[in-house]
Amino acid sequence: MEIVTRELKFSTRGEIDLVDITGDVEEIVRDSGIQNGQVLVFVPGATGAIVTIEHESGLLEDFKQALRELVPRGKGYLHGRIDDNAHSHLRATLLGASECFPVIDGRLVRGTWQQIFFVELDVRPRQRRVIVQVVGE
């Protein structure tokens, strides 16, 4: 069994910024040489998330609106009185820090409309990193 680990680094624009990392993950899988296994996409941090969603502008706006409605900003949360980012942590908890995908015949397996996005949930722009780990043979 082989393990190949790579790191993506990028800047975000702040609250509910969506960054499509699908192409980067596919390239890492291709370059890994692993033919069959899994790829883990993980964000270290408490205010970022990894999701799959179709890259269509209307749907992306719907997604942002749904997050705002499910966990609104400024609702008097106990955490984050200085940063005012309790809602960021709660949103990240609901979405999750990772996704795992099969690798078959050297390719990342995903649905036709299933892109991989990093979701910035913090209240300010950030420098982010995402760990991509391909495991298999």
C-alpha atoms as a PDB file:
ATOM      1  CA  MET A   1       0.000   0.000   0.000  1.00  0.00           C
ATOM      2  CA  GLU A   2       1.172   3.503  -0.851  1.00  0.00           C
ATOM      3  CA  ILE A   3       0.315   6.813   0.772  1.00  0.00           C
ATOM      4  CA  VAL A   4       0.789  10.119  -1.060  1.00  0.00           C
ATOM      5  CA  THR A   5       0.118  13.335   0.839  1.00  0.00           C
ATOM      6  CA  ARG A   6      -0.036  16.795  -0.727  1.00  0.00           C
ATOM      7  CA  GLU A   7      -1.114  20.184   0.551  1.00  0.00           C
ATOM      8  CA  LEU A   8      -3.135  22.849  -1.258  1.00  0.00           C
ATOM      9  CA  LYS A   9      -2.600  26.468  -0.176  1.00  0.00           C
ATOM     10  CA  PHE A  10      -4.776  29.415  -1.140  1.00  0.00           C
ATOM     11  CA  SER A  11      -6.338  32.646   0.080  1.00  0.00           C
ATOM     12  CA  THR A  12     -10.025  33.157   0.758  1.00  0.00           C
ATOM     13  CA  ARG A  13     -12.201  36.264   0.728  1.00  0.00           C
ATOM     14  CA  GLY A  14     -13.975  35.655   4.030  1.00  0.00           C
ATOM     15  CA  GLU A  15     -17.377  34.510   5.147  1.00  0.00           C
ATOM     16  CA  ILE A  16     -18.952  31.812   2.944  1.00  0.00           C
ATOM     17  CA  ASP A  17     -16.343  32.020   0.204  1.00  0.00           C
ATOM     18  CA  LEU A  18     -16.505  28.882  -1.959  1.00  0.00           C
ATOM     19  CA  VAL A  19     -13.293  27.649  -3.587  1.00  0.00           C
ATOM     20  CA  ASP A  20     -13.570  24.885  -6.210  1.00  0.00           C
ATOM     21  CA  ILE A  21     -10.640  22.518  -5.618  1.00  0.00           C
ATOM     22  CA  THR A  22     -11.866  19.665  -7.835  1.00  0.00           C
ATOM     23  CA  GLY A  23      -9.172  20.055 -10.487  1.00  0.00           C
ATOM     24  CA  ASP A  24      -6.410  20.237  -7.894  1.00  0.00           C
ATOM     25  CA  VAL A  25      -7.608  17.044  -6.188  1.00  0.00           C
ATOM     26  CA  GLU A  26      -7.916  15.224  -9.522  1.00  0.00           C
ATOM     27  CA  GLU A  27      -4.376  16.264 -10.451  1.00  0.00           C
ATOM     28  CA  ILE A  28      -2.980  15.014  -7.133  1.00  0.00           C
ATOM     29  CA  VAL A  29      -4.739  11.662  -7.636  1.00  0.00           C
ATOM     30  CA  ARG A  30      -3.370  11.363 -11.208  1.00  0.00           C
ATOM     31  CA  ASP A  31       0.154  12.308 -10.161  1.00  0.00           C
ATOM     32  CA  SER A  32       0.122   9.925  -7.179  1.00  0.00           C
ATOM     33  CA  GLY A  33       0.362   6.864  -9.426  1.00  0.00           C
ATOM     34  CA  ILE A  34      -2.130   5.079  -7.188  1.00  0.00           C
ATOM     35  CA  GLN A  35      -4.574   3.061  -9.278  1.00  0.00           C
ATOM     36  CA  ASN A  36      -7.084   1.845  -6.699  1.00  0.00           C
ATOM     37  CA  GLY A  37      -7.797   3.171  -3.232  1.00  0.00           C
ATOM     38  CA  GLN A  38      -9.203   6.295  -1.648  1.00  0.00           C
ATOM     39  CA  VAL A  39      -8.476   9.988  -1.439  1.00  0.00           C
ATOM     40  CA  LEU A  40      -9.144  11.994   1.692  1.00  0.00           C
ATOM     41  CA  VAL A  41      -9.655  15.753   1.393  1.00  0.00           C
ATOM     42  CA  PHE A  42      -9.301  17.412   4.809  1.00  0.00           C
ATOM     43  CA  VAL A  43      -9.161  20.968   6.135  1.00  0.00           C
ATOM     44  CA  PRO A  44      -7.261  21.494   9.390  1.00  0.00           C
ATOM     45  CA  GLY A  45      -9.118  24.266  11.157  1.00  0.00           C
ATOM     46  CA  ALA A  46     -12.350  24.907  13.005  1.00  0.00           C
ATOM     47  CA  THR A  47     -13.934  27.412  10.603  1.00  0.00           C
ATOM     48  CA  GLY A  48     -13.490  25.743   7.223  1.00  0.00           C
ATOM     49  CA  ALA A  49     -15.308  22.848   5.565  1.00  0.00           C
ATOM     50  CA  ILE A  50     -15.130  20.487   2.595  1.00  0.00           C
ATOM     51  CA  VAL A  51     -18.333  19.805   0.658  1.00  0.00           C
ATOM     52  CA  THR A  52     -19.500  18.422  -2.655  1.00  0.00           C
ATOM     53  CA  ILE A  53     -21.960  20.466  -4.676  1.00  0.00           C
ATOM     54  CA  GLU A  54     -22.653  21.322  -8.297  1.00  0.00           C
ATOM     55  CA  HIS A  55     -20.662  24.320  -9.547  1.00  0.00           C
ATOM     56  CA  GLU A  56     -23.675  26.322 -10.739  1.00  0.00           C
ATOM     57  CA  SER A  57     -23.983  29.956  -9.679  1.00  0.00           C
ATOM     58  CA  GLY A  58     -27.647  29.793  -8.624  1.00  0.00           C
ATOM     59  CA  LEU A  59     -27.103  26.692  -6.537  1.00  0.00           C
ATOM     60  CA  LEU A  60     -23.993  28.155  -4.906  1.00  0.00           C
ATOM     61  CA  GLU A  61     -25.975  31.251  -3.903  1.00  0.00           C
ATOM     62  CA  ASP A  62     -28.782  29.009  -2.588  1.00  0.00           C
ATOM     63  CA  PHE A  63     -26.196  27.138  -0.523  1.00  0.00           C
ATOM     64  CA  LYS A  64     -24.863  30.373   0.974  1.00  0.00           C
ATOM     65  CA  GLN A  65     -28.372  31.545   1.802  1.00  0.00           C
ATOM     66  CA  ALA A  66     -29.242  28.213   3.426  1.00  0.00           C
ATOM     67  CA  LEU A  67     -26.172  28.496   5.691  1.00  0.00           C
ATOM     68  CA  ARG A  68     -27.138  32.037   6.671  1.00  0.00           C
ATOM     69  CA  GLU A  69     -30.657  30.901   7.546  1.00  0.00           C
ATOM     70  CA  LEU A  70     -29.661  27.704   9.383  1.00  0.00           C
ATOM     71  CA  VAL A  71     -27.002  29.357  11.532  1.00  0.00           C
ATOM     72  CA  PRO A  72     -27.440  33.136  11.475  1.00  0.00           C
ATOM     73  CA  ARG A  73     -24.695  35.562  12.413  1.00  0.00           C
ATOM     74  CA  GLY A  74     -25.080  37.620  15.593  1.00  0.00           C
ATOM     75  CA  LYS A  75     -27.643  35.491  17.376  1.00  0.00           C
ATOM     76  CA  GLY A  76     -26.117  36.069  20.801  1.00  0.00           C
ATOM     77  CA  TYR A  77     -23.940  32.945  20.847  1.00  0.00           C
ATOM     78  CA  LEU A  78     -21.764  32.458  23.934  1.00  0.00           C
ATOM     79  CA  HIS A  79     -18.525  31.881  21.965  1.00  0.00           C
ATOM     80  CA  GLY A  80     -16.666  34.488  20.010  1.00  0.00           C
ATOM     81  CA  ARG A  81     -17.678  37.732  21.633  1.00  0.00           C
ATOM     82  CA  ILE A  82     -14.349  39.191  20.455  1.00  0.00           C
ATOM     83  CA  ASP A  83     -14.239  37.674  16.938  1.00  0.00           C
ATOM     84  CA  ASP A  84     -18.020  37.324  16.612  1.00  0.00           C
ATOM     85  CA  ASN A  85     -17.464  34.036  14.798  1.00  0.00           C
ATOM     86  CA  ALA A  86     -19.419  31.472  16.808  1.00  0.00           C
ATOM     87  CA  HIS A  87     -21.694  31.019  13.784  1.00  0.00           C
ATOM     88  CA  SER A  88     -18.583  30.171  11.710  1.00  0.00           C
ATOM     89  CA  HIS A  89     -17.657  27.336  14.055  1.00  0.00           C
ATOM     90  CA  LEU A  90     -21.224  26.021  14.169  1.00  0.00           C
ATOM     91  CA  ARG A  91     -21.558  26.059  10.367  1.00  0.00           C
ATOM     92  CA  ALA A  92     -18.236  24.209  10.012  1.00  0.00           C
ATOM     93  CA  THR A  93     -19.395  21.578  12.486  1.00  0.00           C
ATOM     94  CA  LEU A  94     -22.555  20.958  10.477  1.00  0.00           C
ATOM     95  CA  LEU A  95     -20.721  20.717   7.135  1.00  0.00           C
ATOM     96  CA  GLY A  96     -17.649  18.742   8.201  1.00  0.00           C
ATOM     97  CA  ALA A  97     -13.897  18.996   7.780  1.00  0.00           C
ATOM     98  CA  SER A  98     -13.415  16.216   5.224  1.00  0.00           C
ATOM     99  CA  GLU A  99     -14.720  14.121   2.360  1.00  0.00           C
ATOM    100  CA  CYS A 100     -13.432  10.770   1.133  1.00  0.00           C
ATOM    101  CA  PHE A 101     -13.672   9.540  -2.482  1.00  0.00           C
ATOM    102  CA  PRO A 102     -12.840   6.270  -4.225  1.00  0.00           C
ATOM    103  CA  VAL A 103      -9.933   6.073  -6.634  1.00  0.00           C
ATOM    104  CA  ILE A 104     -10.500   3.521  -9.405  1.00  0.00           C
ATOM    105  CA  ASP A 105      -8.135   2.941 -12.325  1.00  0.00           C
ATOM    106  CA  GLY A 106      -6.079   5.960 -11.308  1.00  0.00           C
ATOM    107  CA  ARG A 107      -9.002   8.383 -11.335  1.00  0.00           C
ATOM    108  CA  LEU A 108     -11.007  10.193  -8.695  1.00  0.00           C
ATOM    109  CA  VAL A 109     -14.583   8.877  -8.732  1.00  0.00           C
ATOM    110  CA  ARG A 110     -17.309  11.504  -8.389  1.00  0.00           C
ATOM    111  CA  GLY A 111     -20.677  12.233  -9.928  1.00  0.00           C
ATOM    112  CA  THR A 112     -20.993  14.312 -13.089  1.00  0.00           C
ATOM    113  CA  TRP A 113     -22.195  17.387 -11.200  1.00  0.00           C
ATOM    114  CA  GLN A 114     -20.295  16.662  -7.995  1.00  0.00           C
ATOM    115  CA  GLN A 115     -17.469  19.154  -7.548  1.00  0.00           C
ATOM    116  CA  ILE A 116     -15.308  19.475  -4.439  1.00  0.00           C
ATOM    117  CA  PHE A 117     -15.353  22.822  -2.644  1.00  0.00           C
ATOM    118  CA  PHE A 118     -13.541  24.335   0.279  1.00  0.00           C
ATOM    119  CA  VAL A 119     -15.968  26.552   2.211  1.00  0.00           C
ATOM    120  CA  GLU A 120     -14.536  29.486   4.127  1.00  0.00           C
ATOM    121  CA  LEU A 121     -16.794  30.119   7.085  1.00  0.00           C
ATOM    122  CA  ASP A 122     -14.716  32.538   9.129  1.00  0.00           C
ATOM    123  CA  VAL A 123     -15.626  36.220   9.208  1.00  0.00           C
ATOM    124  CA  ARG A 124     -12.433  37.452   7.536  1.00  0.00           C
ATOM    125  CA  PRO A 125     -10.139  36.508   4.639  1.00  0.00           C
ATOM    126  CA  ARG A 126      -7.702  33.735   5.530  1.00  0.00           C
ATOM    127  CA  GLN A 127      -4.711  31.851   4.228  1.00  0.00           C
ATOM    128  CA  ARG A 128      -5.934  28.243   4.055  1.00  0.00           C
ATOM    129  CA  ARG A 129      -4.482  24.839   3.495  1.00  0.00           C
ATOM    130  CA  VAL A 130      -6.185  21.598   2.572  1.00  0.00           C
ATOM    131  CA  ILE A 131      -4.547  18.200   3.008  1.00  0.00           C
ATOM    132  CA  VAL A 132      -5.127  15.692   0.193  1.00  0.00           C
ATOM    133  CA  GLN A 133      -4.060  12.150   0.990  1.00  0.00           C
ATOM    134  CA  VAL A 134      -4.263   9.332  -1.550  1.00  0.00           C
ATOM    135  CA  VAL A 135      -4.042   5.802  -0.135  1.00  0.00           C
ATOM    136  CA  GLY A 136      -3.995   2.582  -2.140  1.00  0.00           C
ATOM    137  CA  GLU A 137      -2.006   0.563  -4.625  1.00  0.00           C
END
